[in-house]
Amino acid sequence: MSQITDRLAELGITLPTVSVPAGAYVPAVISGNLVFTAGQLPFVDGALSQTGKVGEGDSLVSPAAAKEFAQTAALNALAAVESVLGSLDRVTRVVKVTGFVASDPSFTGQPGVINGASEFLGAVFGDRGVHARSAVGVAVLPLDSPVEVELIVEFA
């Protein structure tokens, strides 16, 4: 096993299989010493466990649930990274996280939601997981997903 696979196991997490893209793109590409992932949704076993807008209210996805979904989307992004690198141990730095949150118009807590991805990457990679980030509220995401996460990572 690799160090990162061992670390994921310590966290009780298994790297998922890379999902088949829903369009004319690939899950991740290498350019120079960087890997760019496509936007990843919080699929678990090929399905979204919840859909809709994030906010406060009975008909909305709670910010706490959305934060967990951001972690799941980041995990799926790591699977895409591994698919092109062969091992997450090659990652020398998480450079940038971009997170999109399908937001109710009154919701302004996008940074807290995307913390789910950022905190997860820090737990997995330690100092190598500290990154720049954008957390963006949007009207709607593919398949009515509450969140989407993409990564840029450096590797050796």
N, C-alpha and C. Protein backbone atom coordinates (compact mmCIF):
# COMPACT_ATOMS: atom_id res chain seq x y z
N MET A 1 0.83 -1.20 0.00
CA MET A 1 0.00 0.00 0.00
C MET A 1 0.87 1.25 0.00
N SER A 2 0.26 2.33 -0.41
CA SER A 2 0.97 3.60 -0.42
C SER A 2 0.70 4.35 0.88
N GLN A 3 1.50 5.38 1.12
CA GLN A 3 1.30 6.20 2.32
C GLN A 3 -0.08 6.85 2.32
N ILE A 4 -0.51 7.37 1.18
CA ILE A 4 -1.80 8.05 1.12
C ILE A 4 -2.93 7.04 1.24
N THR A 5 -2.81 5.89 0.61
CA THR A 5 -3.83 4.85 0.77
C THR A 5 -3.92 4.43 2.23
N ASP A 6 -2.75 4.30 2.88
CA ASP A 6 -2.74 3.97 4.31
C ASP A 6 -3.42 5.08 5.12
N ARG A 7 -3.15 6.32 4.78
CA ARG A 7 -3.76 7.45 5.50
C ARG A 7 -5.28 7.45 5.30
N LEU A 8 -5.73 7.20 4.09
CA LEU A 8 -7.17 7.10 3.84
C LEU A 8 -7.79 5.98 4.68
N ALA A 9 -7.10 4.85 4.75
CA ALA A 9 -7.60 3.73 5.56
C ALA A 9 -7.69 4.12 7.03
N GLU A 10 -6.68 4.86 7.53
CA GLU A 10 -6.74 5.35 8.92
C GLU A 10 -7.97 6.22 9.15
N LEU A 11 -8.35 6.97 8.12
CA LEU A 11 -9.53 7.84 8.20
C LEU A 11 -10.82 7.08 7.94
N GLY A 12 -10.70 5.77 7.65
CA GLY A 12 -11.88 4.95 7.38
C GLY A 12 -12.47 5.18 6.00
N ILE A 13 -11.62 5.58 5.05
CA ILE A 13 -12.08 5.95 3.71
C ILE A 13 -11.38 5.09 2.67
N THR A 14 -12.17 4.62 1.69
CA THR A 14 -11.64 3.87 0.56
C THR A 14 -11.77 4.72 -0.69
N LEU A 15 -10.73 4.76 -1.48
CA LEU A 15 -10.77 5.51 -2.74
C LEU A 15 -11.76 4.84 -3.68
N PRO A 16 -12.72 5.58 -4.22
CA PRO A 16 -13.72 4.97 -5.11
C PRO A 16 -13.17 4.75 -6.51
N THR A 17 -13.92 4.01 -7.29
CA THR A 17 -13.63 3.85 -8.71
C THR A 17 -13.99 5.15 -9.41
N VAL A 18 -13.21 5.52 -10.41
CA VAL A 18 -13.48 6.75 -11.15
C VAL A 18 -14.76 6.58 -11.96
N SER A 19 -15.65 7.55 -11.83
CA SER A 19 -16.92 7.52 -12.57
C SER A 19 -16.68 7.78 -14.06
N VAL A 20 -17.52 7.19 -14.86
CA VAL A 20 -17.48 7.45 -16.30
C VAL A 20 -18.03 8.86 -16.52
N PRO A 21 -17.31 9.69 -17.28
CA PRO A 21 -17.79 11.06 -17.51
C PRO A 21 -19.17 11.09 -18.16
N ALA A 22 -19.93 12.11 -17.80
CA ALA A 22 -21.28 12.29 -18.34
C ALA A 22 -21.27 13.07 -19.65
N GLY A 23 -20.10 13.43 -20.15
CA GLY A 23 -20.00 14.22 -21.37
C GLY A 23 -18.71 13.94 -22.11
N ALA A 24 -18.36 14.83 -23.00
CA ALA A 24 -17.19 14.67 -23.86
C ALA A 24 -15.95 15.25 -23.18
N TYR A 25 -15.51 14.60 -22.11
CA TYR A 25 -14.32 15.03 -21.37
C TYR A 25 -13.75 13.83 -20.63
N VAL A 26 -12.59 14.04 -20.00
CA VAL A 26 -11.97 12.99 -19.20
C VAL A 26 -11.95 13.46 -17.74
N PRO A 27 -11.85 12.53 -16.78
CA PRO A 27 -11.87 12.91 -15.37
C PRO A 27 -10.68 13.75 -14.92
N ALA A 28 -9.51 13.58 -15.57
CA ALA A 28 -8.32 14.33 -15.18
C ALA A 28 -7.34 14.33 -16.34
N VAL A 29 -6.56 15.42 -16.43
CA VAL A 29 -5.50 15.51 -17.43
C VAL A 29 -4.22 16.02 -16.77
N ILE A 30 -3.11 15.59 -17.33
CA ILE A 30 -1.80 16.05 -16.88
C ILE A 30 -1.30 17.10 -17.85
N SER A 31 -0.78 18.20 -17.29
CA SER A 31 -0.11 19.22 -18.09
C SER A 31 1.13 19.63 -17.31
N GLY A 32 2.30 19.34 -17.88
CA GLY A 32 3.55 19.60 -17.16
C GLY A 32 3.58 18.75 -15.90
N ASN A 33 3.76 19.40 -14.74
CA ASN A 33 3.78 18.65 -13.48
C ASN A 33 2.51 18.91 -12.66
N LEU A 34 1.41 19.23 -13.37
CA LEU A 34 0.13 19.47 -12.71
C LEU A 34 -0.92 18.50 -13.23
N VAL A 35 -1.84 18.13 -12.34
CA VAL A 35 -3.03 17.39 -12.73
C VAL A 35 -4.22 18.30 -12.50
N PHE A 36 -5.06 18.42 -13.53
CA PHE A 36 -6.29 19.18 -13.45
C PHE A 36 -7.45 18.20 -13.50
N THR A 37 -8.32 18.23 -12.49
CA THR A 37 -9.48 17.34 -12.54
C THR A 37 -10.66 18.08 -13.15
N ALA A 38 -11.54 17.30 -13.74
CA ALA A 38 -12.85 17.82 -14.12
C ALA A 38 -13.63 18.04 -12.83
N GLY A 39 -14.67 18.81 -12.91
CA GLY A 39 -15.52 18.98 -11.73
C GLY A 39 -16.10 17.64 -11.30
N GLN A 40 -16.01 17.36 -10.01
CA GLN A 40 -16.48 16.09 -9.49
C GLN A 40 -17.70 16.32 -8.60
N LEU A 41 -18.71 15.50 -8.80
CA LEU A 41 -19.92 15.54 -7.99
C LEU A 41 -19.78 14.55 -6.84
N PRO A 42 -20.61 14.66 -5.82
CA PRO A 42 -20.50 13.76 -4.67
C PRO A 42 -21.20 12.41 -4.88
N PHE A 43 -20.83 11.73 -5.96
CA PHE A 43 -21.40 10.41 -6.22
C PHE A 43 -20.88 9.40 -5.22
N VAL A 44 -21.77 8.54 -4.75
CA VAL A 44 -21.41 7.37 -3.96
C VAL A 44 -22.08 6.19 -4.65
N ASP A 45 -21.28 5.24 -5.09
CA ASP A 45 -21.80 4.09 -5.83
C ASP A 45 -22.66 4.52 -7.01
N GLY A 46 -22.22 5.57 -7.71
CA GLY A 46 -22.88 6.00 -8.92
C GLY A 46 -24.13 6.85 -8.76
N ALA A 47 -24.45 7.25 -7.52
CA ALA A 47 -25.66 8.03 -7.30
C ALA A 47 -25.40 9.20 -6.36
N LEU A 48 -26.21 10.24 -6.51
CA LEU A 48 -26.19 11.36 -5.57
C LEU A 48 -27.16 11.03 -4.45
N SER A 49 -26.71 11.18 -3.19
CA SER A 49 -27.60 10.85 -2.08
C SER A 49 -28.62 11.93 -1.80
N GLN A 50 -28.38 13.14 -2.30
CA GLN A 50 -29.34 14.23 -2.15
C GLN A 50 -29.11 15.23 -3.27
N THR A 51 -30.16 15.87 -3.71
CA THR A 51 -30.06 16.88 -4.74
C THR A 51 -30.72 18.16 -4.24
N GLY A 52 -30.46 19.25 -4.95
CA GLY A 52 -31.13 20.49 -4.64
C GLY A 52 -30.19 21.60 -4.21
N LYS A 53 -30.79 22.70 -3.82
CA LYS A 53 -30.06 23.90 -3.40
C LYS A 53 -29.67 23.82 -1.94
N VAL A 54 -28.56 24.47 -1.60
CA VAL A 54 -28.07 24.52 -0.23
C VAL A 54 -28.61 25.79 0.44
N GLY A 55 -29.04 25.63 1.68
CA GLY A 55 -29.53 26.77 2.45
C GLY A 55 -30.20 26.30 3.72
N GLU A 56 -30.91 27.20 4.35
CA GLU A 56 -31.64 26.90 5.58
C GLU A 56 -33.11 26.72 5.22
N GLY A 57 -33.69 25.63 5.65
CA GLY A 57 -35.11 25.40 5.39
C GLY A 57 -35.38 23.95 5.09
N ASP A 58 -36.61 23.54 5.31
CA ASP A 58 -36.99 22.13 5.17
C ASP A 58 -36.79 21.57 3.77
N SER A 59 -36.99 22.36 2.74
CA SER A 59 -36.89 21.84 1.38
C SER A 59 -35.49 21.98 0.78
N LEU A 60 -34.53 22.45 1.60
CA LEU A 60 -33.18 22.70 1.11
C LEU A 60 -32.18 21.71 1.69
N VAL A 61 -31.05 21.54 1.01
CA VAL A 61 -29.94 20.73 1.51
C VAL A 61 -29.28 21.54 2.62
N SER A 62 -29.10 20.94 3.78
CA SER A 62 -28.49 21.67 4.89
C SER A 62 -27.02 21.96 4.62
N PRO A 63 -26.50 23.06 5.15
CA PRO A 63 -25.07 23.34 4.98
C PRO A 63 -24.19 22.21 5.53
N ALA A 64 -24.60 21.58 6.63
CA ALA A 64 -23.80 20.48 7.20
C ALA A 64 -23.75 19.29 6.24
N ALA A 65 -24.89 18.95 5.63
CA ALA A 65 -24.90 17.86 4.65
C ALA A 65 -24.07 18.23 3.43
N ALA A 66 -24.20 19.49 2.98
CA ALA A 66 -23.44 19.94 1.81
C ALA A 66 -21.93 19.89 2.07
N LYS A 67 -21.52 20.19 3.30
CA LYS A 67 -20.11 20.11 3.66
C LYS A 67 -19.60 18.67 3.51
N GLU A 68 -20.41 17.70 3.93
CA GLU A 68 -20.04 16.29 3.75
C GLU A 68 -19.98 15.93 2.27
N PHE A 69 -20.92 16.47 1.48
CA PHE A 69 -20.91 16.20 0.05
C PHE A 69 -19.66 16.79 -0.61
N ALA A 70 -19.19 17.93 -0.11
CA ALA A 70 -17.96 18.52 -0.65
C ALA A 70 -16.77 17.60 -0.39
N GLN A 71 -16.75 16.96 0.78
CA GLN A 71 -15.69 15.99 1.08
C GLN A 71 -15.77 14.82 0.11
N THR A 72 -16.97 14.32 -0.13
CA THR A 72 -17.14 13.20 -1.05
C THR A 72 -16.70 13.57 -2.46
N ALA A 73 -17.05 14.78 -2.89
CA ALA A 73 -16.63 15.23 -4.22
C ALA A 73 -15.11 15.34 -4.30
N ALA A 74 -14.47 15.81 -3.23
CA ALA A 74 -13.00 15.88 -3.20
C ALA A 74 -12.39 14.48 -3.25
N LEU A 75 -13.01 13.53 -2.57
CA LEU A 75 -12.54 12.14 -2.62
C LEU A 75 -12.63 11.62 -4.05
N ASN A 76 -13.73 11.92 -4.74
CA ASN A 76 -13.86 11.50 -6.13
C ASN A 76 -12.81 12.17 -7.00
N ALA A 77 -12.47 13.41 -6.70
CA ALA A 77 -11.41 14.10 -7.45
C ALA A 77 -10.06 13.41 -7.21
N LEU A 78 -9.81 12.98 -5.98
CA LEU A 78 -8.56 12.25 -5.71
C LEU A 78 -8.51 10.95 -6.50
N ALA A 79 -9.64 10.28 -6.65
CA ALA A 79 -9.67 9.07 -7.46
C ALA A 79 -9.31 9.39 -8.90
N ALA A 80 -9.78 10.52 -9.41
CA ALA A 80 -9.43 10.94 -10.77
C ALA A 80 -7.93 11.23 -10.88
N VAL A 81 -7.37 11.87 -9.86
CA VAL A 81 -5.93 12.14 -9.84
C VAL A 81 -5.15 10.83 -9.86
N GLU A 82 -5.55 9.90 -9.01
CA GLU A 82 -4.84 8.61 -8.98
C GLU A 82 -4.94 7.88 -10.31
N SER A 83 -6.06 8.05 -11.00
CA SER A 83 -6.25 7.35 -12.28
C SER A 83 -5.22 7.77 -13.33
N VAL A 84 -4.71 9.00 -13.24
CA VAL A 84 -3.70 9.44 -14.22
C VAL A 84 -2.27 9.35 -13.68
N LEU A 85 -2.12 9.38 -12.34
CA LEU A 85 -0.77 9.32 -11.76
C LEU A 85 -0.35 7.91 -11.36
N GLY A 86 -1.31 7.04 -11.11
CA GLY A 86 -0.98 5.70 -10.66
C GLY A 86 -0.88 5.58 -9.16
N SER A 87 -0.52 6.66 -8.47
CA SER A 87 -0.40 6.66 -7.02
C SER A 87 -0.54 8.09 -6.50
N LEU A 88 -1.32 8.25 -5.44
CA LEU A 88 -1.44 9.57 -4.82
C LEU A 88 -0.18 9.96 -4.07
N ASP A 89 0.72 9.03 -3.84
CA ASP A 89 2.00 9.37 -3.20
C ASP A 89 2.84 10.30 -4.08
N ARG A 90 2.53 10.38 -5.36
CA ARG A 90 3.26 11.27 -6.26
C ARG A 90 2.86 12.73 -6.08
N VAL A 91 1.73 12.98 -5.40
CA VAL A 91 1.26 14.35 -5.19
C VAL A 91 2.21 15.06 -4.24
N THR A 92 2.75 16.19 -4.69
CA THR A 92 3.65 16.98 -3.83
C THR A 92 2.93 18.18 -3.23
N ARG A 93 1.78 18.55 -3.82
CA ARG A 93 1.06 19.71 -3.32
C ARG A 93 -0.34 19.77 -3.93
N VAL A 94 -1.32 20.02 -3.10
CA VAL A 94 -2.63 20.41 -3.62
C VAL A 94 -2.52 21.92 -3.84
N VAL A 95 -2.62 22.34 -5.09
CA VAL A 95 -2.38 23.73 -5.45
C VAL A 95 -3.65 24.57 -5.30
N LYS A 96 -4.76 24.06 -5.84
CA LYS A 96 -5.99 24.85 -5.88
C LYS A 96 -7.20 23.96 -5.80
N VAL A 97 -8.18 24.39 -5.04
CA VAL A 97 -9.49 23.76 -4.97
C VAL A 97 -10.50 24.80 -5.45
N THR A 98 -11.35 24.40 -6.36
CA THR A 98 -12.47 25.25 -6.76
C THR A 98 -13.74 24.48 -6.40
N GLY A 99 -14.57 25.12 -5.60
CA GLY A 99 -15.81 24.49 -5.17
C GLY A 99 -17.00 25.32 -5.59
N PHE A 100 -18.01 24.64 -6.11
CA PHE A 100 -19.25 25.28 -6.53
C PHE A 100 -20.37 24.77 -5.64
N VAL A 101 -21.21 25.67 -5.17
CA VAL A 101 -22.32 25.33 -4.29
C VAL A 101 -23.61 25.82 -4.94
N ALA A 102 -24.52 24.91 -5.26
CA ALA A 102 -25.84 25.29 -5.77
C ALA A 102 -26.58 25.91 -4.59
N SER A 103 -26.78 27.22 -4.64
CA SER A 103 -27.21 27.96 -3.46
C SER A 103 -28.59 28.56 -3.59
N ASP A 104 -29.36 28.44 -2.51
CA ASP A 104 -30.57 29.22 -2.37
C ASP A 104 -30.14 30.69 -2.44
N PRO A 105 -30.94 31.58 -3.02
CA PRO A 105 -30.52 32.98 -3.17
C PRO A 105 -30.11 33.67 -1.87
N SER A 106 -30.64 33.23 -0.74
CA SER A 106 -30.29 33.88 0.52
C SER A 106 -29.08 33.25 1.22
N PHE A 107 -28.54 32.17 0.64
CA PHE A 107 -27.43 31.46 1.29
C PHE A 107 -26.10 32.10 0.94
N THR A 108 -25.29 32.40 1.97
CA THR A 108 -23.97 33.02 1.77
C THR A 108 -22.85 32.23 2.44
N GLY A 109 -23.11 30.98 2.81
CA GLY A 109 -22.12 30.18 3.52
C GLY A 109 -21.32 29.24 2.65
N GLN A 110 -21.08 29.61 1.40
CA GLN A 110 -20.34 28.74 0.48
C GLN A 110 -18.96 28.37 1.02
N PRO A 111 -18.20 29.31 1.62
CA PRO A 111 -16.89 28.91 2.15
C PRO A 111 -16.97 27.80 3.19
N GLY A 112 -17.96 27.83 4.05
CA GLY A 112 -18.11 26.78 5.06
C GLY A 112 -18.42 25.43 4.44
N VAL A 113 -19.20 25.43 3.37
CA VAL A 113 -19.51 24.18 2.67
C VAL A 113 -18.25 23.60 2.06
N ILE A 114 -17.48 24.41 1.36
CA ILE A 114 -16.29 23.92 0.67
C ILE A 114 -15.17 23.59 1.65
N ASN A 115 -15.29 24.06 2.90
CA ASN A 115 -14.36 23.59 3.93
C ASN A 115 -14.37 22.07 4.05
N GLY A 116 -15.48 21.44 3.68
CA GLY A 116 -15.52 19.98 3.70
C GLY A 116 -14.45 19.37 2.82
N ALA A 117 -14.23 19.95 1.66
CA ALA A 117 -13.17 19.49 0.76
C ALA A 117 -11.80 19.88 1.30
N SER A 118 -11.66 21.13 1.73
CA SER A 118 -10.35 21.63 2.18
C SER A 118 -9.86 20.90 3.42
N GLU A 119 -10.74 20.72 4.39
CA GLU A 119 -10.34 20.02 5.63
C GLU A 119 -9.98 18.57 5.34
N PHE A 120 -10.73 17.94 4.43
CA PHE A 120 -10.44 16.55 4.06
C PHE A 120 -9.06 16.45 3.41
N LEU A 121 -8.76 17.33 2.48
CA LEU A 121 -7.45 17.29 1.81
C LEU A 121 -6.32 17.55 2.80
N GLY A 122 -6.54 18.42 3.77
CA GLY A 122 -5.54 18.65 4.81
C GLY A 122 -5.33 17.40 5.66
N ALA A 123 -6.42 16.71 5.98
CA ALA A 123 -6.32 15.48 6.78
C ALA A 123 -5.56 14.39 6.03
N VAL A 124 -5.75 14.33 4.72
CA VAL A 124 -5.10 13.30 3.91
C VAL A 124 -3.63 13.63 3.65
N PHE A 125 -3.34 14.87 3.25
CA PHE A 125 -2.00 15.22 2.79
C PHE A 125 -1.17 16.03 3.78
N GLY A 126 -1.74 16.44 4.91
CA GLY A 126 -1.00 17.28 5.84
C GLY A 126 -0.64 18.60 5.19
N ASP A 127 0.58 19.07 5.39
CA ASP A 127 1.00 20.35 4.83
C ASP A 127 0.93 20.40 3.31
N ARG A 128 1.06 19.25 2.65
CA ARG A 128 0.96 19.19 1.18
C ARG A 128 -0.47 19.47 0.72
N GLY A 129 -1.43 19.40 1.65
CA GLY A 129 -2.82 19.62 1.31
C GLY A 129 -3.30 21.05 1.48
N VAL A 130 -2.42 21.95 1.97
CA VAL A 130 -2.80 23.36 2.13
C VAL A 130 -2.80 24.01 0.75
N HIS A 131 -3.88 24.71 0.40
CA HIS A 131 -4.07 25.14 -0.98
C HIS A 131 -4.76 26.50 -1.07
N ALA A 132 -4.71 27.07 -2.27
CA ALA A 132 -5.54 28.23 -2.61
C ALA A 132 -6.93 27.69 -2.95
N ARG A 133 -7.96 28.58 -2.88
CA ARG A 133 -9.30 28.06 -3.06
C ARG A 133 -10.27 29.14 -3.50
N SER A 134 -11.27 28.71 -4.25
CA SER A 134 -12.44 29.53 -4.54
C SER A 134 -13.67 28.74 -4.12
N ALA A 135 -14.64 29.42 -3.51
CA ALA A 135 -15.92 28.82 -3.14
C ALA A 135 -17.00 29.70 -3.75
N VAL A 136 -17.69 29.16 -4.75
CA VAL A 136 -18.58 29.96 -5.58
C VAL A 136 -20.01 29.47 -5.46
N GLY A 137 -20.94 30.38 -5.22
CA GLY A 137 -22.35 30.05 -5.24
C GLY A 137 -22.88 30.15 -6.66
N VAL A 138 -23.64 29.13 -7.07
CA VAL A 138 -24.20 29.09 -8.42
C VAL A 138 -25.69 28.75 -8.35
N ALA A 139 -26.41 29.01 -9.44
CA ALA A 139 -27.85 28.77 -9.48
C ALA A 139 -28.18 27.28 -9.54
N VAL A 140 -27.42 26.53 -10.31
CA VAL A 140 -27.70 25.10 -10.46
C VAL A 140 -26.43 24.40 -10.93
N LEU A 141 -26.31 23.12 -10.57
CA LEU A 141 -25.18 22.29 -10.98
C LEU A 141 -25.70 21.07 -11.74
N PRO A 142 -24.83 20.36 -12.47
CA PRO A 142 -25.28 19.18 -13.20
C PRO A 142 -26.02 18.19 -12.31
N LEU A 143 -27.07 17.61 -12.86
CA LEU A 143 -27.89 16.60 -12.17
C LEU A 143 -28.52 17.12 -10.88
N ASP A 144 -28.59 18.44 -10.74
CA ASP A 144 -29.12 19.10 -9.54
C ASP A 144 -28.29 18.79 -8.30
N SER A 145 -26.99 18.52 -8.50
CA SER A 145 -26.08 18.26 -7.38
C SER A 145 -25.97 19.51 -6.51
N PRO A 146 -25.85 19.33 -5.19
CA PRO A 146 -25.67 20.50 -4.32
C PRO A 146 -24.27 21.09 -4.39
N VAL A 147 -23.25 20.28 -4.74
CA VAL A 147 -21.88 20.76 -4.79
C VAL A 147 -21.12 20.11 -5.94
N GLU A 148 -20.04 20.77 -6.33
CA GLU A 148 -19.09 20.24 -7.31
C GLU A 148 -17.71 20.75 -6.92
N VAL A 149 -16.71 19.88 -7.02
CA VAL A 149 -15.35 20.25 -6.62
C VAL A 149 -14.37 19.84 -7.71
N GLU A 150 -13.42 20.73 -8.00
CA GLU A 150 -12.32 20.39 -8.90
C GLU A 150 -11.00 20.73 -8.23
N LEU A 151 -9.96 19.99 -8.61
CA LEU A 151 -8.63 20.16 -8.00
C LEU A 151 -7.58 20.44 -9.06
N ILE A 152 -6.55 21.14 -8.63
CA ILE A 152 -5.28 21.20 -9.35
C ILE A 152 -4.23 20.74 -8.36
N VAL A 153 -3.49 19.69 -8.73
CA VAL A 153 -2.43 19.19 -7.85
C VAL A 153 -1.11 19.14 -8.61
N GLU A 154 -0.04 19.33 -7.86
CA GLU A 154 1.32 19.22 -8.39
C GLU A 154 1.84 17.83 -8.05
N PHE A 155 2.69 17.30 -8.92
CA PHE A 155 3.25 15.97 -8.65
C PHE A 155 4.70 15.89 -9.10
N ALA A 156 5.37 14.87 -8.59
CA ALA A 156 6.75 14.61 -8.99
C ALA A 156 6.81 13.23 -9.63
